[in-house]
Amino acid sequence: IATGQIPASSHAPIGAPVQGITLFLLLRAFASGCSALTGVEAISNAIP
């Protein structure tokens, strides 16, 4: 990316307006992304 081998046109710029986007949909995407946090609690269960 830094050397320009990946063109910036590959993605929409940050802040581009999106029709139909809602707070509920963003919260749903956030909740789905939180699946990346599964397993964080395991260490506190296994201290011994």
ModelCIF file with pLDDT and N, C-alpha, C, O atoms, coordinates in Angstrom:
data_MODEL
#
_entry.id   MODEL 
#
_entity.id                         1 
_entity.type                       polymer 
_entity.pdbx_number_of_molecules   1 
#
_entity_poly.entity_id                      1 
_entity_poly.type                           'polypeptide(L)' 
_entity_poly.nstd_linkage                   no 
_entity_poly.nstd_monomer                   no 
_entity_poly.pdbx_seq_one_letter_code       IATGQIPASSHAPIGAPVQGITLFLLLRAFASGCSALTGVEAISNAIP 
_entity_poly.pdbx_seq_one_letter_code_can   IATGQIPASSHAPIGAPVQGITLFLLLRAFASGCSALTGVEAISNAIP 
_entity_poly.pdbx_strand_id                 A 
#
loop_
_entity_poly_seq.entity_id 
_entity_poly_seq.num 
_entity_poly_seq.mon_id 
_entity_poly_seq.hetero 
1 1  ILE n 
1 2  ALA n 
1 3  THR n 
1 4  GLY n 
1 5  GLN n 
1 6  ILE n 
1 7  PRO n 
1 8  ALA n 
1 9  SER n 
1 10 SER n 
1 11 HIS n 
1 12 ALA n 
1 13 PRO n 
1 14 ILE n 
1 15 GLY n 
1 16 ALA n 
1 17 PRO n 
1 18 VAL n 
1 19 GLN n 
1 20 GLY n 
1 21 ILE n 
1 22 THR n 
1 23 LEU n 
1 24 PHE n 
1 25 LEU n 
1 26 LEU n 
1 27 LEU n 
1 28 ARG n 
1 29 ALA n 
1 30 PHE n 
1 31 ALA n 
1 32 SER n 
1 33 GLY n 
1 34 CYS n 
1 35 SER n 
1 36 ALA n 
1 37 LEU n 
1 38 THR n 
1 39 GLY n 
1 40 VAL n 
1 41 GLU n 
1 42 ALA n 
1 43 ILE n 
1 44 SER n 
1 45 ASN n 
1 46 ALA n 
1 47 ILE n 
1 48 PRO n 
#
_struct_asym.id          A 
_struct_asym.entity_id   1 
#
loop_
_ma_qa_metric.id 
_ma_qa_metric.mode 
_ma_qa_metric.name 
_ma_qa_metric.software_group_id 
_ma_qa_metric.type 
1 global pLDDT . pLDDT 
2 local  pLDDT . pLDDT 
#
_ma_qa_metric_global.metric_id      1 
_ma_qa_metric_global.metric_value   81.31 
_ma_qa_metric_global.model_id       1 
_ma_qa_metric_global.ordinal_id     1 
#
loop_
_ma_qa_metric_local.label_asym_id 
_ma_qa_metric_local.label_comp_id 
_ma_qa_metric_local.label_seq_id 
_ma_qa_metric_local.metric_id 
_ma_qa_metric_local.metric_value 
_ma_qa_metric_local.model_id 
_ma_qa_metric_local.ordinal_id 
A ILE 1  2 89.00 1 1  
A ALA 2  2 88.00 1 2  
A THR 3  2 87.00 1 3  
A GLY 4  2 83.00 1 4  
A GLN 5  2 84.00 1 5  
A ILE 6  2 81.00 1 6  
A PRO 7  2 81.00 1 7  
A ALA 8  2 76.00 1 8  
A SER 9  2 75.00 1 9  
A SER 10 2 76.00 1 10 
A HIS 11 2 77.00 1 11 
A ALA 12 2 78.00 1 12 
A PRO 13 2 80.00 1 13 
A ILE 14 2 82.00 1 14 
A GLY 15 2 79.00 1 15 
A ALA 16 2 81.00 1 16 
A PRO 17 2 81.00 1 17 
A VAL 18 2 81.00 1 18 
A GLN 19 2 82.00 1 19 
A GLY 20 2 79.00 1 20 
A ILE 21 2 83.00 1 21 
A THR 22 2 85.00 1 22 
A LEU 23 2 84.00 1 23 
A PHE 24 2 83.00 1 24 
A LEU 25 2 86.00 1 25 
A LEU 26 2 87.00 1 26 
A LEU 27 2 84.00 1 27 
A ARG 28 2 84.00 1 28 
A ALA 29 2 86.00 1 29 
A PHE 30 2 85.00 1 30 
A ALA 31 2 81.00 1 31 
A SER 32 2 81.00 1 32 
A GLY 33 2 83.00 1 33 
A CYS 34 2 81.00 1 34 
A SER 35 2 75.00 1 35 
A ALA 36 2 76.00 1 36 
A LEU 37 2 80.00 1 37 
A THR 38 2 77.00 1 38 
A GLY 39 2 77.00 1 39 
A VAL 40 2 81.00 1 40 
A GLU 41 2 79.00 1 41 
A ALA 42 2 80.00 1 42 
A ILE 43 2 84.00 1 43 
A SER 44 2 82.00 1 44 
A ASN 45 2 76.00 1 45 
A ALA 46 2 78.00 1 46 
A ILE 47 2 84.00 1 47 
A PRO 48 2 81.00 1 48 
#
loop_
_atom_site.group_PDB 
_atom_site.id 
_atom_site.type_symbol 
_atom_site.label_atom_id 
_atom_site.label_alt_id 
_atom_site.label_comp_id 
_atom_site.label_asym_id 
_atom_site.label_entity_id 
_atom_site.label_seq_id 
_atom_site.pdbx_PDB_ins_code 
_atom_site.Cartn_x 
_atom_site.Cartn_y 
_atom_site.Cartn_z 
_atom_site.occupancy 
_atom_site.B_iso_or_equiv 
_atom_site.pdbx_formal_charge 
_atom_site.auth_seq_id 
_atom_site.auth_comp_id 
_atom_site.auth_asym_id 
_atom_site.auth_atom_id 
_atom_site.pdbx_PDB_model_num 
ATOM 1   N N  . ILE A 1 1  ? 0.842   -1.207  0.000  1.00 89.00 ? 1  ILE A N  1 
ATOM 2   C CA . ILE A 1 1  ? 0.000   0.000   0.000  1.00 89.00 ? 1  ILE A CA 1 
ATOM 3   C C  . ILE A 1 1  ? 0.871   1.249   0.000  1.00 89.00 ? 1  ILE A C  1 
ATOM 4   O O  . ILE A 1 1  ? 0.608   2.190   -0.749 1.00 89.00 ? 1  ILE A O  1 
ATOM 5   N N  . ALA A 1 2  ? 1.918   1.264   0.845  1.00 88.00 ? 2  ALA A N  1 
ATOM 6   C CA . ALA A 1 2  ? 2.796   2.433   0.962  1.00 88.00 ? 2  ALA A CA 1 
ATOM 7   C C  . ALA A 1 2  ? 3.554   2.703   -0.327 1.00 88.00 ? 2  ALA A C  1 
ATOM 8   O O  . ALA A 1 2  ? 3.856   3.856   -0.634 1.00 88.00 ? 2  ALA A O  1 
ATOM 9   N N  . THR A 1 3  ? 3.869   1.645   -1.094 1.00 87.00 ? 3  THR A N  1 
ATOM 10  C CA . THR A 1 3  ? 4.622   1.823   -2.340 1.00 87.00 ? 3  THR A CA 1 
ATOM 11  C C  . THR A 1 3  ? 3.711   1.975   -3.560 1.00 87.00 ? 3  THR A C  1 
ATOM 12  O O  . THR A 1 3  ? 4.188   2.002   -4.694 1.00 87.00 ? 3  THR A O  1 
ATOM 13  N N  . GLY A 1 4  ? 2.413   2.073   -3.326 1.00 83.00 ? 4  GLY A N  1 
ATOM 14  C CA . GLY A 1 4  ? 1.463   2.324   -4.413 1.00 83.00 ? 4  GLY A CA 1 
ATOM 15  C C  . GLY A 1 4  ? 1.135   1.125   -5.260 1.00 83.00 ? 4  GLY A C  1 
ATOM 16  O O  . GLY A 1 4  ? 0.561   1.275   -6.339 1.00 83.00 ? 4  GLY A O  1 
ATOM 17  N N  . GLN A 1 5  ? 1.487   -0.087  -4.799 1.00 84.00 ? 5  GLN A N  1 
ATOM 18  C CA . GLN A 1 5  ? 1.177   -1.278  -5.586 1.00 84.00 ? 5  GLN A CA 1 
ATOM 19  C C  . GLN A 1 5  ? -0.303  -1.641  -5.523 1.00 84.00 ? 5  GLN A C  1 
ATOM 20  O O  . GLN A 1 5  ? -0.817  -2.358  -6.381 1.00 84.00 ? 5  GLN A O  1 
ATOM 21  N N  . ILE A 1 6  ? -0.977  -1.136  -4.497 1.00 81.00 ? 6  ILE A N  1 
ATOM 22  C CA . ILE A 1 6  ? -2.431  -1.336  -4.369 1.00 81.00 ? 6  ILE A CA 1 
ATOM 23  C C  . ILE A 1 6  ? -3.093  0.009   -4.617 1.00 81.00 ? 6  ILE A C  1 
ATOM 24  O O  . ILE A 1 6  ? -2.907  0.929   -3.820 1.00 81.00 ? 6  ILE A O  1 
ATOM 25  N N  . PRO A 1 7  ? -3.865  0.158   -5.700 1.00 81.00 ? 7  PRO A N  1 
ATOM 26  C CA . PRO A 1 7  ? -4.461  1.464   -6.016 1.00 81.00 ? 7  PRO A CA 1 
ATOM 27  C C  . PRO A 1 7  ? -5.514  1.871   -4.987 1.00 81.00 ? 7  PRO A C  1 
ATOM 28  O O  . PRO A 1 7  ? -6.255  1.037   -4.465 1.00 81.00 ? 7  PRO A O  1 
ATOM 29  N N  . ALA A 1 8  ? -5.560  3.184   -4.708 1.00 76.00 ? 8  ALA A N  1 
ATOM 30  C CA . ALA A 1 8  ? -6.534  3.712   -3.745 1.00 76.00 ? 8  ALA A CA 1 
ATOM 31  C C  . ALA A 1 8  ? -7.963  3.569   -4.255 1.00 76.00 ? 8  ALA A C  1 
ATOM 32  O O  . ALA A 1 8  ? -8.916  3.613   -3.476 1.00 76.00 ? 8  ALA A O  1 
ATOM 33  N N  . SER A 1 9  ? -8.104  3.399   -5.554 1.00 75.00 ? 9  SER A N  1 
ATOM 34  C CA . SER A 1 9  ? -9.439  3.268   -6.146 1.00 75.00 ? 9  SER A CA 1 
ATOM 35  C C  . SER A 1 9  ? -10.099 1.924   -5.812 1.00 75.00 ? 9  SER A C  1 
ATOM 36  O O  . SER A 1 9  ? -11.266 1.701   -6.136 1.00 75.00 ? 9  SER A O  1 
ATOM 37  N N  . SER A 1 10 ? -9.338  1.033   -5.159 1.00 76.00 ? 10 SER A N  1 
ATOM 38  C CA . SER A 1 10 ? -9.883  -0.279  -4.832 1.00 76.00 ? 10 SER A CA 1 
ATOM 39  C C  . SER A 1 10 ? -10.997 -0.198  -3.792 1.00 76.00 ? 10 SER A C  1 
ATOM 40  O O  . SER A 1 10 ? -11.800 -1.122  -3.663 1.00 76.00 ? 10 SER A O  1 
ATOM 41  N N  . HIS A 1 11 ? -11.044 0.914   -3.047 1.00 77.00 ? 11 HIS A N  1 
ATOM 42  C CA . HIS A 1 11 ? -12.023 1.031   -1.971 1.00 77.00 ? 11 HIS A CA 1 
ATOM 43  C C  . HIS A 1 11 ? -12.688 2.399   -1.998 1.00 77.00 ? 11 HIS A C  1 
ATOM 44  O O  . HIS A 1 11 ? -12.163 3.357   -2.565 1.00 77.00 ? 11 HIS A O  1 
ATOM 45  N N  . ALA A 1 12 ? -13.842 2.463   -1.378 1.00 78.00 ? 12 ALA A N  1 
ATOM 46  C CA . ALA A 1 12 ? -14.533 3.750   -1.233 1.00 78.00 ? 12 ALA A CA 1 
ATOM 47  C C  . ALA A 1 12 ? -13.830 4.560   -0.151 1.00 78.00 ? 12 ALA A C  1 
ATOM 48  O O  . ALA A 1 12 ? -13.408 3.989   0.854  1.00 78.00 ? 12 ALA A O  1 
ATOM 49  N N  . PRO A 1 13 ? -13.690 5.877   -0.327 1.00 80.00 ? 13 PRO A N  1 
ATOM 50  C CA . PRO A 1 13 ? -12.999 6.683   0.684  1.00 80.00 ? 13 PRO A CA 1 
ATOM 51  C C  . PRO A 1 13 ? -13.788 6.719   1.995  1.00 80.00 ? 13 PRO A C  1 
ATOM 52  O O  . PRO A 1 13 ? -15.015 6.622   2.010  1.00 80.00 ? 13 PRO A O  1 
ATOM 53  N N  . ILE A 1 14 ? -13.042 6.861   3.091  1.00 82.00 ? 14 ILE A N  1 
ATOM 54  C CA . ILE A 1 14 ? -13.684 6.973   4.404  1.00 82.00 ? 14 ILE A CA 1 
ATOM 55  C C  . ILE A 1 14 ? -14.528 8.244   4.445  1.00 82.00 ? 14 ILE A C  1 
ATOM 56  O O  . ILE A 1 14 ? -14.058 9.321   4.079  1.00 82.00 ? 14 ILE A O  1 
ATOM 57  N N  . GLY A 1 15 ? -15.752 8.114   4.885  1.00 79.00 ? 15 GLY A N  1 
ATOM 58  C CA . GLY A 1 15 ? -16.665 9.260   4.951  1.00 79.00 ? 15 GLY A CA 1 
ATOM 59  C C  . GLY A 1 15 ? -17.597 9.354   3.769  1.00 79.00 ? 15 GLY A C  1 
ATOM 60  O O  . GLY A 1 15 ? -18.471 10.221  3.739  1.00 79.00 ? 15 GLY A O  1 
ATOM 61  N N  . ALA A 1 16 ? -17.428 8.459   2.769  1.00 81.00 ? 16 ALA A N  1 
ATOM 62  C CA . ALA A 1 16 ? -18.312 8.499   1.600  1.00 81.00 ? 16 ALA A CA 1 
ATOM 63  C C  . ALA A 1 16 ? -19.761 8.259   2.038  1.00 81.00 ? 16 ALA A C  1 
ATOM 64  O O  . ALA A 1 16 ? -20.015 7.355   2.835  1.00 81.00 ? 16 ALA A O  1 
ATOM 65  N N  . PRO A 1 17 ? -20.717 9.051   1.532  1.00 81.00 ? 17 PRO A N  1 
ATOM 66  C CA . PRO A 1 17 ? -22.123 8.870   1.936  1.00 81.00 ? 17 PRO A CA 1 
ATOM 67  C C  . PRO A 1 17 ? -22.664 7.521   1.463  1.00 81.00 ? 17 PRO A C  1 
ATOM 68  O O  . PRO A 1 17 ? -22.364 7.061   0.361  1.00 81.00 ? 17 PRO A O  1 
ATOM 69  N N  . VAL A 1 18 ? -23.465 6.904   2.324  1.00 81.00 ? 18 VAL A N  1 
ATOM 70  C CA . VAL A 1 18 ? -24.041 5.599   2.029  1.00 81.00 ? 18 VAL A CA 1 
ATOM 71  C C  . VAL A 1 18 ? -25.543 5.666   2.245  1.00 81.00 ? 18 VAL A C  1 
ATOM 72  O O  . VAL A 1 18 ? -26.012 5.953   3.346  1.00 81.00 ? 18 VAL A O  1 
ATOM 73  N N  . GLN A 1 19 ? -26.280 5.404   1.201  1.00 82.00 ? 19 GLN A N  1 
ATOM 74  C CA . GLN A 1 19 ? -27.738 5.415   1.325  1.00 82.00 ? 19 GLN A CA 1 
ATOM 75  C C  . GLN A 1 19 ? -28.226 4.136   2.006  1.00 82.00 ? 19 GLN A C  1 
ATOM 76  O O  . GLN A 1 19 ? -27.717 3.045   1.744  1.00 82.00 ? 19 GLN A O  1 
ATOM 77  N N  . GLY A 1 20 ? -29.212 4.287   2.876  1.00 79.00 ? 20 GLY A N  1 
ATOM 78  C CA . GLY A 1 20 ? -29.819 3.131   3.535  1.00 79.00 ? 20 GLY A CA 1 
ATOM 79  C C  . GLY A 1 20 ? -29.123 2.692   4.802  1.00 79.00 ? 20 GLY A C  1 
ATOM 80  O O  . GLY A 1 20 ? -29.588 1.765   5.466  1.00 79.00 ? 20 GLY A O  1 
ATOM 81  N N  . ILE A 1 21 ? -28.011 3.335   5.160  1.00 83.00 ? 21 ILE A N  1 
ATOM 82  C CA . ILE A 1 21 ? -27.310 2.954   6.391  1.00 83.00 ? 21 ILE A CA 1 
ATOM 83  C C  . ILE A 1 21 ? -28.112 3.436   7.597  1.00 83.00 ? 21 ILE A C  1 
ATOM 84  O O  . ILE A 1 21 ? -28.636 4.550   7.599  1.00 83.00 ? 21 ILE A O  1 
ATOM 85  N N  . THR A 1 22 ? -28.203 2.583   8.631  1.00 85.00 ? 22 THR A N  1 
ATOM 86  C CA . THR A 1 22 ? -28.947 2.945   9.838  1.00 85.00 ? 22 THR A CA 1 
ATOM 87  C C  . THR A 1 22 ? -28.104 2.619   11.066 1.00 85.00 ? 22 THR A C  1 
ATOM 88  O O  . THR A 1 22 ? -27.170 1.819   10.999 1.00 85.00 ? 22 THR A O  1 
ATOM 89  N N  . LEU A 1 23 ? -28.442 3.243   12.175 1.00 84.00 ? 23 LEU A N  1 
ATOM 90  C CA . LEU A 1 23 ? -27.729 2.977   13.426 1.00 84.00 ? 23 LEU A CA 1 
ATOM 91  C C  . LEU A 1 23 ? -27.897 1.515   13.831 1.00 84.00 ? 23 LEU A C  1 
ATOM 92  O O  . LEU A 1 23 ? -26.966 0.890   14.339 1.00 84.00 ? 23 LEU A O  1 
ATOM 93  N N  . PHE A 1 24 ? -29.086 0.982   13.603 1.00 83.00 ? 24 PHE A N  1 
ATOM 94  C CA . PHE A 1 24 ? -29.350 -0.413  13.972 1.00 83.00 ? 24 PHE A CA 1 
ATOM 95  C C  . PHE A 1 24 ? -28.431 -1.349  13.191 1.00 83.00 ? 24 PHE A C  1 
ATOM 96  O O  . PHE A 1 24 ? -27.888 -2.297  13.759 1.00 83.00 ? 24 PHE A O  1 
ATOM 97  N N  . LEU A 1 25 ? -28.252 -1.093  11.896 1.00 86.00 ? 25 LEU A N  1 
ATOM 98  C CA . LEU A 1 25 ? -27.403 -1.945  11.073 1.00 86.00 ? 25 LEU A CA 1 
ATOM 99  C C  . LEU A 1 25 ? -25.939 -1.842  11.527 1.00 86.00 ? 25 LEU A C  1 
ATOM 100 O O  . LEU A 1 25 ? -25.223 -2.843  11.555 1.00 86.00 ? 25 LEU A O  1 
ATOM 101 N N  . LEU A 1 26 ? -25.501 -0.625  11.883 1.00 87.00 ? 26 LEU A N  1 
ATOM 102 C CA . LEU A 1 26 ? -24.130 -0.452  12.368 1.00 87.00 ? 26 LEU A CA 1 
ATOM 103 C C  . LEU A 1 26 ? -23.915 -1.187  13.688 1.00 87.00 ? 26 LEU A C  1 
ATOM 104 O O  . LEU A 1 26 ? -22.866 -1.793  13.909 1.00 87.00 ? 26 LEU A O  1 
ATOM 105 N N  . LEU A 1 27 ? -24.918 -1.128  14.563 1.00 84.00 ? 27 LEU A N  1 
ATOM 106 C CA . LEU A 1 27 ? -24.821 -1.856  15.833 1.00 84.00 ? 27 LEU A CA 1 
ATOM 107 C C  . LEU A 1 27 ? -24.789 -3.362  15.588 1.00 84.00 ? 27 LEU A C  1 
ATOM 108 O O  . LEU A 1 27 ? -24.090 -4.102  16.281 1.00 84.00 ? 27 LEU A O  1 
ATOM 109 N N  . ARG A 1 28 ? -25.554 -3.803  14.595 1.00 84.00 ? 28 ARG A N  1 
ATOM 110 C CA . ARG A 1 28 ? -25.562 -5.222  14.255 1.00 84.00 ? 28 ARG A CA 1 
ATOM 111 C C  . ARG A 1 28 ? -24.191 -5.652  13.728 1.00 84.00 ? 28 ARG A C  1 
ATOM 112 O O  . ARG A 1 28 ? -23.700 -6.727  14.071 1.00 84.00 ? 28 ARG A O  1 
ATOM 113 N N  . ALA A 1 29 ? -23.574 -4.807  12.890 1.00 86.00 ? 29 ALA A N  1 
ATOM 114 C CA . ALA A 1 29 ? -22.227 -5.111  12.382 1.00 86.00 ? 29 ALA A CA 1 
ATOM 115 C C  . ALA A 1 29 ? -21.212 -5.119  13.525 1.00 86.00 ? 29 ALA A C  1 
ATOM 116 O O  . ALA A 1 29 ? -20.298 -5.943  13.552 1.00 86.00 ? 29 ALA A O  1 
ATOM 117 N N  . PHE A 1 30 ? -21.384 -4.187  14.469 1.00 85.00 ? 30 PHE A N  1 
ATOM 118 C CA . PHE A 1 30 ? -20.492 -4.131  15.628 1.00 85.00 ? 30 PHE A CA 1 
ATOM 119 C C  . PHE A 1 30 ? -20.623 -5.405  16.464 1.00 85.00 ? 30 PHE A C  1 
ATOM 120 O O  . PHE A 1 30 ? -19.623 -5.983  16.890 1.00 85.00 ? 30 PHE A O  1 
ATOM 121 N N  . ALA A 1 31 ? -21.866 -5.836  16.693 1.00 81.00 ? 31 ALA A N  1 
ATOM 122 C CA . ALA A 1 31 ? -22.102 -7.063  17.470 1.00 81.00 ? 31 ALA A CA 1 
ATOM 123 C C  . ALA A 1 31 ? -21.474 -8.266  16.767 1.00 81.00 ? 31 ALA A C  1 
ATOM 124 O O  . ALA A 1 31 ? -20.877 -9.126  17.416 1.00 81.00 ? 31 ALA A O  1 
ATOM 125 N N  . SER A 1 32 ? -21.609 -8.325  15.444 1.00 81.00 ? 32 SER A N  1 
ATOM 126 C CA . SER A 1 32 ? -21.008 -9.434  14.700 1.00 81.00 ? 32 SER A CA 1 
ATOM 127 C C  . SER A 1 32 ? -19.490 -9.399  14.801 1.00 81.00 ? 32 SER A C  1 
ATOM 128 O O  . SER A 1 32 ? -18.850 -10.444 14.924 1.00 81.00 ? 32 SER A O  1 
ATOM 129 N N  . GLY A 1 33 ? -18.915 -8.209  14.748 1.00 83.00 ? 33 GLY A N  1 
ATOM 130 C CA . GLY A 1 33 ? -17.465 -8.073  14.869 1.00 83.00 ? 33 GLY A CA 1 
ATOM 131 C C  . GLY A 1 33 ? -16.950 -8.462  16.236 1.00 83.00 ? 33 GLY A C  1 
ATOM 132 O O  . GLY A 1 33 ? -15.795 -8.860  16.386 1.00 83.00 ? 33 GLY A O  1 
ATOM 133 N N  . CYS A 1 34 ? -17.815 -8.344  17.238 1.00 81.00 ? 34 CYS A N  1 
ATOM 134 C CA . CYS A 1 34 ? -17.420 -8.715  18.602 1.00 81.00 ? 34 CYS A CA 1 
ATOM 135 C C  . CYS A 1 34 ? -17.216 -10.215 18.771 1.00 81.00 ? 34 CYS A C  1 
ATOM 136 O O  . CYS A 1 34 ? -16.752 -10.666 19.818 1.00 81.00 ? 34 CYS A O  1 
ATOM 137 N N  . SER A 1 35 ? -17.564 -10.993 17.738 1.00 75.00 ? 35 SER A N  1 
ATOM 138 C CA . SER A 1 35 ? -17.253 -12.426 17.787 1.00 75.00 ? 35 SER A CA 1 
ATOM 139 C C  . SER A 1 35 ? -15.744 -12.640 17.836 1.00 75.00 ? 35 SER A C  1 
ATOM 140 O O  . SER A 1 35 ? -15.276 -13.720 18.194 1.00 75.00 ? 35 SER A O  1 
ATOM 141 N N  . ALA A 1 36 ? -14.976 -11.592 17.469 1.00 76.00 ? 36 ALA A N  1 
ATOM 142 C CA . ALA A 1 36 ? -13.516 -11.671 17.549 1.00 76.00 ? 36 ALA A CA 1 
ATOM 143 C C  . ALA A 1 36 ? -13.018 -11.683 18.993 1.00 76.00 ? 36 ALA A C  1 
ATOM 144 O O  . ALA A 1 36 ? -11.835 -11.919 19.239 1.00 76.00 ? 36 ALA A O  1 
ATOM 145 N N  . LEU A 1 37 ? -13.921 -11.428 19.954 1.00 80.00 ? 37 LEU A N  1 
ATOM 146 C CA . LEU A 1 37 ? -13.513 -11.340 21.361 1.00 80.00 ? 37 LEU A CA 1 
ATOM 147 C C  . LEU A 1 37 ? -13.769 -12.628 22.137 1.00 80.00 ? 37 LEU A C  1 
ATOM 148 O O  . LEU A 1 37 ? -13.482 -12.699 23.332 1.00 80.00 ? 37 LEU A O  1 
ATOM 149 N N  . THR A 1 38 ? -14.307 -13.644 21.467 1.00 77.00 ? 38 THR A N  1 
ATOM 150 C CA . THR A 1 38 ? -14.541 -14.907 22.169 1.00 77.00 ? 38 THR A CA 1 
ATOM 151 C C  . THR A 1 38 ? -13.210 -15.499 22.626 1.00 77.00 ? 38 THR A C  1 
ATOM 152 O O  . THR A 1 38 ? -12.225 -15.478 21.888 1.00 77.00 ? 38 THR A O  1 
ATOM 153 N N  . GLY A 1 39 ? -13.190 -16.018 23.830 1.00 77.00 ? 39 GLY A N  1 
ATOM 154 C CA . GLY A 1 39 ? -11.972 -16.620 24.367 1.00 77.00 ? 39 GLY A CA 1 
ATOM 155 C C  . GLY A 1 39 ? -11.160 -15.711 25.251 1.00 77.00 ? 39 GLY A C  1 
ATOM 156 O O  . GLY A 1 39 ? -10.187 -16.155 25.860 1.00 77.00 ? 39 GLY A O  1 
ATOM 157 N N  . VAL A 1 40 ? -11.541 -14.415 25.341 1.00 81.00 ? 40 VAL A N  1 
ATOM 158 C CA . VAL A 1 40 ? -10.788 -13.465 26.163 1.00 81.00 ? 40 VAL A CA 1 
ATOM 159 C C  . VAL A 1 40 ? -10.831 -13.856 27.633 1.00 81.00 ? 40 VAL A C  1 
ATOM 160 O O  . VAL A 1 40 ? -9.880  -13.604 28.373 1.00 81.00 ? 40 VAL A O  1 
ATOM 161 N N  . GLU A 1 41 ? -11.946 -14.478 28.063 1.00 79.00 ? 41 GLU A N  1 
ATOM 162 C CA . GLU A 1 41 ? -12.151 -14.788 29.481 1.00 79.00 ? 41 GLU A CA 1 
ATOM 163 C C  . GLU A 1 41 ? -11.404 -16.030 29.950 1.00 79.00 ? 41 GLU A C  1 
ATOM 164 O O  . GLU A 1 41 ? -11.329 -16.280 31.153 1.00 79.00 ? 41 GLU A O  1 
ATOM 165 N N  . ALA A 1 42 ? -10.850 -16.815 29.026 1.00 80.00 ? 42 ALA A N  1 
ATOM 166 C CA . ALA A 1 42 ? -10.302 -18.129 29.388 1.00 80.00 ? 42 ALA A CA 1 
ATOM 167 C C  . ALA A 1 42 ? -9.159  -18.030 30.392 1.00 80.00 ? 42 ALA A C  1 
ATOM 168 O O  . ALA A 1 42 ? -9.034  -18.890 31.264 1.00 80.00 ? 42 ALA A O  1 
ATOM 169 N N  . ILE A 1 43 ? -8.326  -17.004 30.287 1.00 84.00 ? 43 ILE A N  1 
ATOM 170 C CA . ILE A 1 43 ? -7.160  -16.903 31.172 1.00 84.00 ? 43 ILE A CA 1 
ATOM 171 C C  . ILE A 1 43 ? -7.588  -16.724 32.627 1.00 84.00 ? 43 ILE A C  1 
ATOM 172 O O  . ILE A 1 43 ? -6.970  -17.295 33.526 1.00 84.00 ? 43 ILE A O  1 
ATOM 173 N N  . SER A 1 44 ? -8.640  -15.937 32.869 1.00 82.00 ? 44 SER A N  1 
ATOM 174 C CA . SER A 1 44 ? -9.089  -15.714 34.250 1.00 82.00 ? 44 SER A CA 1 
ATOM 175 C C  . SER A 1 44 ? -9.666  -16.982 34.868 1.00 82.00 ? 44 SER A C  1 
ATOM 176 O O  . SER A 1 44 ? -9.689  -17.114 36.091 1.00 82.00 ? 44 SER A O  1 
ATOM 177 N N  . ASN A 1 45 ? -10.132 -17.918 34.042 1.00 76.00 ? 45 ASN A N  1 
ATOM 178 C CA . ASN A 1 45 ? -10.641 -19.200 34.553 1.00 76.00 ? 45 ASN A CA 1 
ATOM 179 C C  . ASN A 1 45 ? -9.517  -20.168 34.879 1.00 76.00 ? 45 ASN A C  1 
ATOM 180 O O  . ASN A 1 45 ? -9.699  -21.088 35.675 1.00 76.00 ? 45 ASN A O  1 
ATOM 181 N N  . ALA A 1 46 ? -8.352  -19.964 34.266 1.00 78.00 ? 46 ALA A N  1 
ATOM 182 C CA . ALA A 1 46 ? -7.280  -20.963 34.338 1.00 78.00 ? 46 ALA A CA 1 
ATOM 183 C C  . ALA A 1 46 ? -6.062  -20.484 35.127 1.00 78.00 ? 46 ALA A C  1 
ATOM 184 O O  . ALA A 1 46 ? -4.954  -20.959 34.881 1.00 78.00 ? 46 ALA A O  1 
ATOM 185 N N  . ILE A 1 47 ? -6.238  -19.564 36.061 1.00 84.00 ? 47 ILE A N  1 
ATOM 186 C CA . ILE A 1 47 ? -5.111  -19.027 36.836 1.00 84.00 ? 47 ILE A CA 1 
ATOM 187 C C  . ILE A 1 47 ? -4.323  -20.129 37.552 1.00 84.00 ? 47 ILE A C  1 
ATOM 188 O O  . ILE A 1 47 ? -3.094  -20.061 37.574 1.00 84.00 ? 47 ILE A O  1 
ATOM 189 N N  . PRO A 1 48 ? -4.983  -21.153 38.145 1.00 81.00 ? 48 PRO A N  1 
ATOM 190 C CA . PRO A 1 48 ? -4.202  -22.196 38.834 1.00 81.00 ? 48 PRO A CA 1 
ATOM 191 C C  . PRO A 1 48 ? -3.251  -22.977 37.931 1.00 81.00 ? 48 PRO A C  1 
ATOM 192 O O  . PRO A 1 48 ? -2.549  -23.872 38.401 1.00 81.00 ? 48 PRO A O  1 
#
